Amino acid sequence: MKKRKLYAYAVALACLLTACGSNPKNASTEDGLTIINVETAVNNLQELKLSQLGNRVRYVPLETGDSCFIGRYAKVKICGDYIIVASSKQAGALFVGDNCLSFDKKSGQFVTSIGHVGQDPQGYSQIINLYYNEQNGLLYFERTPNQLQKYDLQGRYHGHVTIPTESFLPPTLVFSDSVIIGHYCYGMLTPQWSHSRASLIFACDGQLTDSINTRLPLPNLSNDENPRIVLKTFGQTSFIINQSSQSTERIYRNLSLWTCQGEVRFKEDFSDTIYNIKDNRLQPLYVFQTGQWHFPTEAITDGTGNSDKILTAYALETPQKFYFVCLRDLYGDKTEVLHGIYDKQTGTTLMGPEKDGLTDDINGFLPFCPESCNDQGEYVALVWPEDILPWLDEHPEAKDNPALAPLLKIEEEDNPVAIIVTQE
């Protein structure tokens, strides 16, 4: 199998930034690699409950007003004491936000609008992802072709960073002590583009400092005159599938890079292994062991005969737990979506059919499907009035539950409610 280079560039923040289940047990190998037993959990599927992810739930209605309207298509992230929401009023196959709003995490009160789309010196191009640097408390927004605009959580502008890439910014970025790390997701490793690489570490001089091999084959870009191309979205990630050739052509909304307690995590597309990136090297840390259901590398470009295989699509990690999503029969018409919870303290893995999310066994509310998380152990998701109001009509007893009191004043045209789940 051909190997492609993952190039590492490097970018020092000092130069570029502002002031800068049956509960299967997981075993650890001799080198410290933790094995998350997906195979056993899949053979013992069960209904997953909210209390298995966290034991405290808060409902935070986000203030509604002309200056803080949230479009129906939105991303949410908790950054420090704020709930940050990027949204778009326009529907689209893939999320492209056109505004970013900050709300107080405790009260839901609107704080400010953060930056704007535009060609002026402080404008950004669009919002594909919400990039937050916990080291300096700044949000980063893409400005094509190679800049990041910086704003604090109160909406103040802090200049920009220029990333010396050959074509365009990596679609996934993460920030550590002294570097910015970017990742070109699968589907961007194409022979037409000279930067056929997956991970980059940027330095103030933009010089190549290291390289790492990837075993991913190049995407099987179809020459069919009438290929059957479909977009499949599962939770927080999306695939463009060529069902004619049974191959994956692109992966979007990639979740390959994140931080946990100051460490940078990397999970390459279609890989079962989570690495630490340290000293410009990959250190294996966790592996989702799928055993007989393993999704082979060759299935990326030829899915024939792999309808029973399971792909670990993405994971959301806090210091206490993982919430993760697996897919069976990626190329089929009825892809099975499974979700799982791995508890780091007890070493158990639980999995079940995804359906609409985790069953709320704490307050009896709608199922919870995490959209993002942070180092403080907070998982967050948005729920909309169009879902809340019918549920309240069907559950009049909700008025007697103090925990659900914030929901009782919701009206049809209001902004969504942020649900925050933590483990205390």
Protein backbone atom coordinates (compact mmCIF):
# COMPACT_ATOMS: atom_id res chain seq x y z
CA MET A 1 0.00 0.00 0.00
CA LYS A 2 1.35 3.40 -0.90
CA LYS A 3 2.29 5.72 1.89
CA ARG A 4 1.71 9.42 1.75
CA LYS A 5 3.63 11.97 3.75
CA LEU A 6 1.98 13.87 6.55
CA TYR A 7 4.02 17.01 6.67
CA ALA A 8 4.60 18.84 9.88
CA TYR A 9 5.20 22.56 9.81
CA ALA A 10 5.48 24.39 12.79
CA VAL A 11 3.88 27.76 14.31
CA ALA A 12 5.03 29.34 17.69
CA LEU A 13 2.33 31.25 19.41
CA ALA A 14 4.88 33.64 20.86
CA CYS A 15 5.48 34.90 17.32
CA LEU A 16 1.98 34.68 15.91
CA LEU A 17 -0.54 35.01 18.69
CA THR A 18 -1.52 37.78 21.05
CA ALA A 19 0.22 38.28 24.25
CA CYS A 20 0.52 36.06 23.95
CA GLY A 21 -21.33 -2.13 29.40
CA SER A 22 -22.54 -6.22 30.26
CA ASN A 23 -19.89 -3.61 30.78
CA PRO A 24 -16.75 -4.66 28.91
CA LYS A 25 -13.61 -3.67 30.77
CA ASN A 26 -10.78 -2.07 28.86
CA ALA A 27 -7.24 -3.34 29.15
CA SER A 28 -3.98 -1.44 28.95
CA THR A 29 -1.02 -2.81 27.04
CA GLU A 30 2.51 -2.75 28.37
CA ASP A 31 3.27 0.48 26.55
CA GLY A 32 0.28 2.23 28.15
CA LEU A 33 -2.10 1.98 25.19
CA THR A 34 -5.67 1.75 26.51
CA ILE A 35 -7.87 -0.67 24.58
CA ILE A 36 -11.52 0.41 24.38
CA ASN A 37 -13.46 -2.81 23.80
CA VAL A 38 -15.94 -1.85 21.10
CA GLU A 39 -16.29 -5.44 19.85
CA THR A 40 -17.66 -6.75 23.15
CA ALA A 41 -19.86 -3.68 23.65
CA VAL A 42 -21.39 -4.10 20.18
CA ASN A 43 -22.28 -7.68 21.08
CA ASN A 44 -24.06 -6.37 24.19
CA LEU A 45 -25.96 -3.33 22.90
CA GLN A 46 -28.18 -1.56 25.40
CA GLU A 47 -30.12 1.65 25.82
CA LEU A 48 -27.65 4.37 26.78
CA LYS A 49 -28.75 6.79 29.47
CA LEU A 50 -27.82 10.35 30.27
CA SER A 51 -26.71 9.44 33.79
CA GLN A 52 -23.97 7.30 32.25
CA LEU A 53 -22.45 10.44 30.75
CA GLY A 54 -23.03 12.90 33.60
CA ASN A 55 -25.04 13.41 36.78
CA ARG A 56 -25.90 17.11 36.56
CA VAL A 57 -28.00 18.76 33.84
CA ARG A 58 -28.61 22.48 33.34
CA TYR A 59 -31.05 24.05 30.89
CA VAL A 60 -29.99 27.53 29.79
CA PRO A 61 -32.47 29.41 27.56
CA LEU A 62 -30.48 31.72 25.31
CA GLU A 63 -31.76 35.29 25.20
CA THR A 64 -33.86 36.18 22.18
CA GLY A 65 -33.67 39.55 20.42
CA ASP A 66 -33.09 41.27 17.10
CA SER A 67 -29.35 41.57 17.79
CA CYS A 68 -28.92 37.98 18.98
CA PHE A 69 -31.10 35.86 16.71
CA ILE A 70 -29.74 32.34 16.22
CA GLY A 71 -30.33 30.79 12.81
CA ARG A 72 -31.81 27.30 12.68
CA TYR A 73 -28.50 25.79 11.59
CA ALA A 74 -26.01 26.23 14.41
CA LYS A 75 -22.88 25.05 16.19
CA VAL A 76 -22.39 25.46 19.94
CA LYS A 77 -19.32 25.42 22.16
CA ILE A 78 -18.69 26.30 25.81
CA CYS A 79 -15.65 28.55 26.20
CA GLY A 80 -14.88 29.50 29.79
CA ASP A 81 -17.88 31.34 31.23
CA TYR A 82 -19.58 31.76 27.85
CA ILE A 83 -21.76 29.77 25.48
CA ILE A 84 -20.61 30.50 21.93
CA VAL A 85 -23.03 29.88 19.05
CA ALA A 86 -22.26 30.17 15.34
CA SER A 87 -25.29 29.96 13.08
CA SER A 88 -26.72 30.42 9.62
CA LYS A 89 -30.23 31.33 8.50
CA GLN A 90 -29.74 29.40 5.27
CA ALA A 91 -30.04 25.65 4.94
CA GLY A 92 -27.20 23.87 3.23
CA ALA A 93 -25.76 20.41 2.74
CA LEU A 94 -22.83 21.46 4.94
CA PHE A 95 -22.70 24.01 7.73
CA VAL A 96 -21.37 27.45 6.82
CA GLY A 97 -22.04 30.00 9.54
CA ASP A 98 -22.39 33.73 8.98
CA ASN A 99 -22.54 35.04 12.55
CA CYS A 100 -21.12 34.25 15.98
CA LEU A 101 -22.78 35.16 19.28
CA SER A 102 -21.65 35.03 22.90
CA PHE A 103 -24.01 34.26 25.81
CA ASP A 104 -23.44 34.10 29.56
CA LYS A 105 -23.13 30.44 30.57
CA LYS A 106 -25.11 30.82 33.80
CA SER A 107 -27.95 33.12 32.78
CA GLY A 108 -28.10 32.74 28.99
CA GLN A 109 -28.01 36.53 28.68
CA PHE A 110 -26.68 37.83 25.36
CA VAL A 111 -23.18 39.29 25.71
CA THR A 112 -22.07 40.36 22.25
CA SER A 113 -21.70 39.52 18.59
CA ILE A 114 -18.17 38.33 17.80
CA GLY A 115 -16.67 39.65 14.58
CA HIS A 116 -18.40 39.59 11.21
CA VAL A 117 -18.20 38.20 7.71
CA GLY A 118 -16.61 40.74 5.39
CA GLN A 119 -13.61 41.88 3.35
CA ASP A 120 -12.60 44.73 5.68
CA PRO A 121 -9.43 44.31 7.77
CA GLN A 122 -11.29 42.73 10.71
CA GLY A 123 -13.68 40.55 8.68
CA TYR A 124 -13.58 36.79 8.30
CA SER A 125 -14.73 34.66 5.36
CA GLN A 126 -17.12 32.22 6.99
CA ILE A 127 -17.49 29.96 10.01
CA ILE A 128 -16.92 26.27 9.37
CA ASN A 129 -15.69 25.38 12.85
CA LEU A 130 -15.44 27.16 16.20
CA TYR A 131 -11.76 27.35 17.12
CA TYR A 132 -11.00 28.32 20.72
CA ASN A 133 -7.57 28.65 22.30
CA GLU A 134 -7.84 28.04 26.05
CA GLN A 135 -4.28 29.30 26.51
CA ASN A 136 -5.13 32.90 25.59
CA GLY A 137 -8.94 32.89 25.65
CA LEU A 138 -9.30 33.80 21.96
CA LEU A 139 -11.54 32.55 19.18
CA TYR A 140 -10.08 32.13 15.67
CA PHE A 141 -12.03 32.63 12.44
CA GLU A 142 -10.94 31.71 8.92
CA ARG A 143 -10.10 34.40 6.39
CA THR A 144 -9.24 32.91 3.02
CA PRO A 145 -6.80 31.98 1.81
CA ASN A 146 -4.36 31.80 4.73
CA GLN A 147 -5.28 33.94 7.73
CA LEU A 148 -7.00 33.49 11.08
CA GLN A 149 -8.78 36.48 12.62
CA LYS A 150 -8.61 36.62 16.43
CA TYR A 151 -11.36 37.81 18.78
CA ASP A 152 -11.87 37.50 22.51
CA LEU A 153 -15.13 36.27 24.03
CA GLN A 154 -16.31 39.86 24.58
CA GLY A 155 -16.02 40.56 20.84
CA ARG A 156 -12.79 42.60 20.87
CA TYR A 157 -10.48 42.21 17.88
CA HIS A 158 -6.92 40.99 18.51
CA GLY A 159 -5.33 41.03 15.06
CA HIS A 160 -4.66 38.09 12.80
CA VAL A 161 -2.34 35.14 12.23
CA THR A 162 -0.98 34.33 8.78
CA ILE A 163 -0.57 30.60 8.17
CA PRO A 164 2.00 29.87 5.42
CA THR A 165 0.08 27.15 3.58
CA GLU A 166 0.37 26.45 -0.13
CA SER A 167 -3.33 26.53 -0.96
CA PHE A 168 -5.75 27.10 1.89
CA LEU A 169 -6.09 26.69 5.61
CA PRO A 170 -6.44 23.22 7.12
CA PRO A 171 -10.13 22.60 7.89
CA THR A 172 -9.32 21.45 11.44
CA LEU A 173 -7.10 23.37 13.86
CA VAL A 174 -6.12 23.04 17.50
CA PHE A 175 -3.98 25.13 19.83
CA SER A 176 -1.39 24.02 22.36
CA ASP A 177 1.25 25.71 24.52
CA SER A 178 3.44 27.05 21.77
CA VAL A 179 2.04 25.74 18.50
CA ILE A 180 -0.95 25.69 16.20
CA ILE A 181 -1.62 22.26 14.72
CA GLY A 182 -3.73 21.81 11.59
CA HIS A 183 -5.10 18.75 9.83
CA TYR A 184 -6.10 18.23 6.21
CA CYS A 185 -8.84 15.63 6.42
CA TYR A 186 -9.28 12.66 4.14
CA GLY A 187 -10.40 13.66 0.67
CA MET A 188 -7.83 16.45 0.66
CA LEU A 189 -5.02 13.94 0.17
CA THR A 190 -5.36 14.14 -3.59
CA PRO A 191 -2.77 13.91 -6.37
CA GLN A 192 -4.03 17.21 -7.82
CA TRP A 193 -2.96 19.16 -4.72
CA SER A 194 0.71 19.52 -3.93
CA HIS A 195 0.08 19.67 -0.17
CA SER A 196 -1.04 16.02 0.04
CA ARG A 197 -0.55 15.87 3.78
CA ALA A 198 -2.72 15.35 6.81
CA SER A 199 -1.13 17.01 9.83
CA LEU A 200 0.82 20.24 10.13
CA ILE A 201 2.50 22.04 12.99
CA PHE A 202 3.07 25.69 12.16
CA ALA A 203 6.11 27.74 13.31
CA CYS A 204 6.75 31.45 12.95
CA ASP A 205 9.07 30.90 9.99
CA GLY A 206 6.84 28.27 8.35
CA GLN A 207 9.73 25.86 7.81
CA LEU A 208 9.23 22.11 7.41
CA THR A 209 10.48 20.46 10.59
CA ASP A 210 9.21 16.89 10.50
CA SER A 211 7.10 14.38 8.59
CA ILE A 212 4.90 11.45 9.55
CA ASN A 213 3.71 8.70 7.23
CA THR A 214 0.05 7.90 6.76
CA ARG A 215 -1.24 4.58 5.46
CA LEU A 216 -4.41 6.06 4.00
CA PRO A 217 -4.75 5.45 0.26
CA LEU A 218 -5.59 8.35 -2.00
CA PRO A 219 -9.32 8.98 -2.43
CA ASN A 220 -10.92 7.07 -5.25
CA LEU A 221 -12.14 10.09 -7.20
CA SER A 222 -14.61 8.72 -9.70
CA ASN A 223 -14.44 9.28 -13.45
CA ASP A 224 -17.98 7.99 -13.85
CA GLU A 225 -20.12 10.16 -16.09
CA ASN A 226 -23.10 9.65 -13.80
CA PRO A 227 -21.77 8.68 -10.37
CA ARG A 228 -24.30 8.19 -7.57
CA ILE A 229 -22.99 10.67 -5.01
CA VAL A 230 -24.72 11.08 -1.65
CA LEU A 231 -24.01 13.17 1.43
CA LYS A 232 -24.36 11.31 4.72
CA THR A 233 -24.36 13.17 8.02
CA PHE A 234 -23.99 11.37 11.33
CA GLY A 235 -24.04 13.55 14.41
CA GLN A 236 -21.09 15.92 14.10
CA THR A 237 -19.47 14.55 10.95
CA SER A 238 -20.38 14.09 7.28
CA PHE A 239 -19.19 11.88 4.43
CA ILE A 240 -19.57 12.26 0.68
CA ILE A 241 -20.04 8.73 -0.62
CA ASN A 242 -19.75 7.48 -4.19
CA GLN A 243 -22.24 4.63 -4.09
CA SER A 244 -21.40 3.68 -7.67
CA SER A 245 -17.81 2.78 -6.81
CA GLN A 246 -18.45 2.00 -3.11
CA SER A 247 -15.86 4.51 -1.94
CA THR A 248 -15.51 7.62 0.16
CA GLU A 249 -14.59 10.73 -1.79
CA ARG A 250 -14.60 13.32 0.99
CA ILE A 251 -15.08 13.64 4.71
CA TYR A 252 -16.34 16.93 6.14
CA ARG A 253 -16.77 18.44 9.60
CA ASN A 254 -13.70 16.50 10.58
CA LEU A 255 -13.08 15.98 14.31
CA SER A 256 -9.52 14.72 14.09
CA LEU A 257 -7.84 17.19 16.48
CA TRP A 258 -8.74 18.32 19.99
CA THR A 259 -7.14 19.01 23.36
CA CYS A 260 -7.69 17.37 26.73
CA GLN A 261 -6.02 18.73 29.86
CA GLY A 262 -3.35 20.48 27.84
CA GLU A 263 -2.53 17.49 25.64
CA VAL A 264 -3.21 17.47 21.90
CA ARG A 265 -5.15 14.48 20.61
CA PHE A 266 -5.17 13.24 17.02
CA LYS A 267 -7.43 10.60 15.46
CA GLU A 268 -6.84 10.26 11.74
CA ASP A 269 -9.82 9.69 9.49
CA PHE A 270 -10.81 5.99 9.33
CA SER A 271 -8.34 5.11 12.09
CA ASP A 272 -9.27 3.39 15.36
CA THR A 273 -6.34 4.89 17.27
CA ILE A 274 -6.19 8.15 19.24
CA TYR A 275 -2.71 9.63 19.60
CA ASN A 276 -1.07 12.32 21.67
CA ILE A 277 0.95 14.76 19.59
CA LYS A 278 4.05 15.53 21.63
CA ASP A 279 7.47 16.74 20.50
CA ASN A 280 6.27 16.52 16.88
CA ARG A 281 5.61 12.80 17.27
CA LEU A 282 2.52 10.62 17.54
CA GLN A 283 2.18 8.63 20.76
CA PRO A 284 -0.60 5.98 20.72
CA LEU A 285 -2.92 6.49 23.69
CA TYR A 286 -6.30 4.81 23.05
CA VAL A 287 -7.53 2.31 20.47
CA PHE A 288 -11.15 1.43 19.67
CA GLN A 289 -10.83 -2.34 19.32
CA THR A 290 -13.48 -3.50 16.85
CA GLY A 291 -12.13 -7.04 16.37
CA GLN A 292 -14.21 -9.01 13.88
CA TRP A 293 -15.98 -5.79 12.87
CA HIS A 294 -12.76 -3.95 11.96
CA PHE A 295 -13.14 -1.48 9.06
CA PRO A 296 -10.11 -2.27 6.84
CA THR A 297 -8.08 0.46 5.22
CA GLU A 298 -8.83 -0.84 1.73
CA ALA A 299 -12.55 -0.31 2.39
CA ILE A 300 -11.96 3.44 2.11
CA THR A 301 -11.65 3.11 -1.65
CA ASP A 302 -13.56 -0.16 -2.11
CA GLY A 303 -16.35 -0.92 0.33
CA THR A 304 -17.51 -4.07 -1.43
CA GLY A 305 -18.06 -6.91 1.03
CA ASN A 306 -17.64 -4.72 4.11
CA SER A 307 -21.26 -4.01 4.96
CA ASP A 308 -20.88 -5.52 8.44
CA LYS A 309 -17.74 -3.56 9.33
CA ILE A 310 -17.74 -0.82 11.96
CA LEU A 311 -16.01 2.54 11.58
CA THR A 312 -15.33 4.75 14.59
CA ALA A 313 -16.45 8.08 13.14
CA TYR A 314 -15.53 10.52 15.92
CA ALA A 315 -15.11 10.96 19.68
CA LEU A 316 -15.79 13.80 22.14
CA GLU A 317 -13.39 13.59 25.10
CA THR A 318 -13.51 15.15 28.56
CA PRO A 319 -11.10 14.38 31.43
CA GLN A 320 -13.63 11.83 32.71
CA LYS A 321 -15.21 10.20 29.66
CA PHE A 322 -15.50 9.70 25.92
CA TYR A 323 -18.72 9.98 23.97
CA PHE A 324 -18.17 8.35 20.55
CA VAL A 325 -20.08 7.40 17.41
CA CYS A 326 -19.58 4.29 15.28
CA LEU A 327 -21.03 3.45 11.87
CA ARG A 328 -21.85 0.04 10.41
CA ASP A 329 -22.34 -0.32 6.64
CA LEU A 330 -21.09 3.16 5.73
CA TYR A 331 -21.82 2.70 2.02
CA GLY A 332 -25.24 1.11 2.36
CA ASP A 333 -28.65 2.74 2.15
CA LYS A 334 -29.36 2.02 5.82
CA THR A 335 -26.17 2.79 7.70
CA GLU A 336 -26.48 1.73 11.34
CA VAL A 337 -25.42 4.43 13.79
CA LEU A 338 -24.18 3.30 17.21
CA HIS A 339 -23.06 5.54 20.02
CA GLY A 340 -20.92 4.71 23.00
CA ILE A 341 -19.63 5.95 26.34
CA TYR A 342 -16.22 5.06 27.70
CA ASP A 343 -15.64 5.79 31.40
CA LYS A 344 -11.95 6.42 32.07
CA GLN A 345 -12.24 5.79 35.81
CA THR A 346 -14.12 2.49 35.72
CA GLY A 347 -12.66 1.29 32.43
CA THR A 348 -16.02 0.26 30.98
CA THR A 349 -17.49 0.76 27.52
CA LEU A 350 -21.23 0.94 26.90
CA MET A 351 -22.82 1.06 23.44
CA GLY A 352 -26.30 1.24 22.00
CA PRO A 353 -28.34 2.28 18.95
CA GLU A 354 -27.96 6.04 18.49
CA LYS A 355 -31.58 6.86 17.63
CA ASP A 356 -32.09 10.42 18.90
CA GLY A 357 -29.46 10.43 21.63
CA LEU A 358 -29.03 9.40 25.27
CA THR A 359 -32.26 8.67 27.12
CA ASP A 360 -32.75 11.30 29.82
CA ASP A 361 -33.18 9.23 32.99
CA ILE A 362 -32.35 12.25 35.18
CA ASN A 363 -35.18 14.64 34.35
CA GLY A 364 -37.17 12.65 31.82
CA PHE A 365 -36.69 15.27 29.09
CA LEU A 366 -35.86 14.80 25.42
CA PRO A 367 -32.88 12.59 24.47
CA PHE A 368 -29.49 14.28 24.65
CA CYS A 369 -27.00 14.13 21.77
CA PRO A 370 -23.72 15.95 22.58
CA GLU A 371 -22.49 18.47 20.04
CA SER A 372 -19.22 19.48 21.71
CA CYS A 373 -17.38 19.29 25.04
CA ASN A 374 -14.51 20.93 26.91
CA ASP A 375 -11.77 20.38 29.48
CA GLN A 376 -14.13 21.27 32.32
CA GLY A 377 -16.08 18.09 31.58
CA GLU A 378 -19.05 19.93 30.07
CA TYR A 379 -21.00 18.38 27.21
CA VAL A 380 -23.40 20.74 25.43
CA ALA A 381 -26.17 20.59 22.84
CA LEU A 382 -28.92 22.90 21.59
CA VAL A 383 -32.62 22.04 21.70
CA TRP A 384 -35.18 24.16 19.84
CA PRO A 385 -38.67 25.44 20.73
CA GLU A 386 -40.17 23.37 17.92
CA ASP A 387 -39.05 20.28 19.86
CA ILE A 388 -39.55 21.61 23.40
CA LEU A 389 -43.13 22.88 23.10
CA PRO A 390 -44.72 19.66 21.76
CA TRP A 391 -42.90 17.70 24.45
CA LEU A 392 -44.23 20.01 27.18
CA ASP A 393 -47.76 19.59 25.80
CA GLU A 394 -47.38 15.82 26.04
CA HIS A 395 -45.85 15.95 29.53
CA PRO A 396 -47.88 18.32 31.73
CA GLU A 397 -46.15 16.83 34.78
CA ALA A 398 -42.98 18.68 33.72
CA LYS A 399 -44.25 21.80 35.50
CA ASP A 400 -43.72 19.98 38.82
CA ASN A 401 -40.03 19.31 38.16
CA PRO A 402 -37.90 22.29 39.34
CA ALA A 403 -35.03 21.23 37.08
CA LEU A 404 -37.24 21.77 34.02
CA ALA A 405 -38.55 25.17 35.15
CA PRO A 406 -36.35 27.12 32.66
CA LEU A 407 -38.20 25.40 29.81
CA LEU A 408 -41.68 26.48 30.88
CA LYS A 409 -41.32 30.05 29.63
CA ILE A 410 -40.09 29.12 26.15
CA GLU A 411 -42.13 30.54 23.26
CA GLU A 412 -42.32 29.48 19.64
CA GLU A 413 -40.04 32.18 18.19
CA ASP A 414 -37.41 32.01 20.93
CA ASN A 415 -33.78 31.09 20.55
CA PRO A 416 -32.79 27.53 21.45
CA VAL A 417 -31.99 26.24 24.93
CA ALA A 418 -28.46 25.05 25.70
CA ILE A 419 -28.37 21.76 27.61
CA ILE A 420 -25.17 21.37 29.63
CA VAL A 421 -24.29 17.97 31.12
CA THR A 422 -21.46 17.51 33.62
CA GLN A 423 -20.09 14.81 35.93
CA GLU A 424 -19.68 15.98 39.52
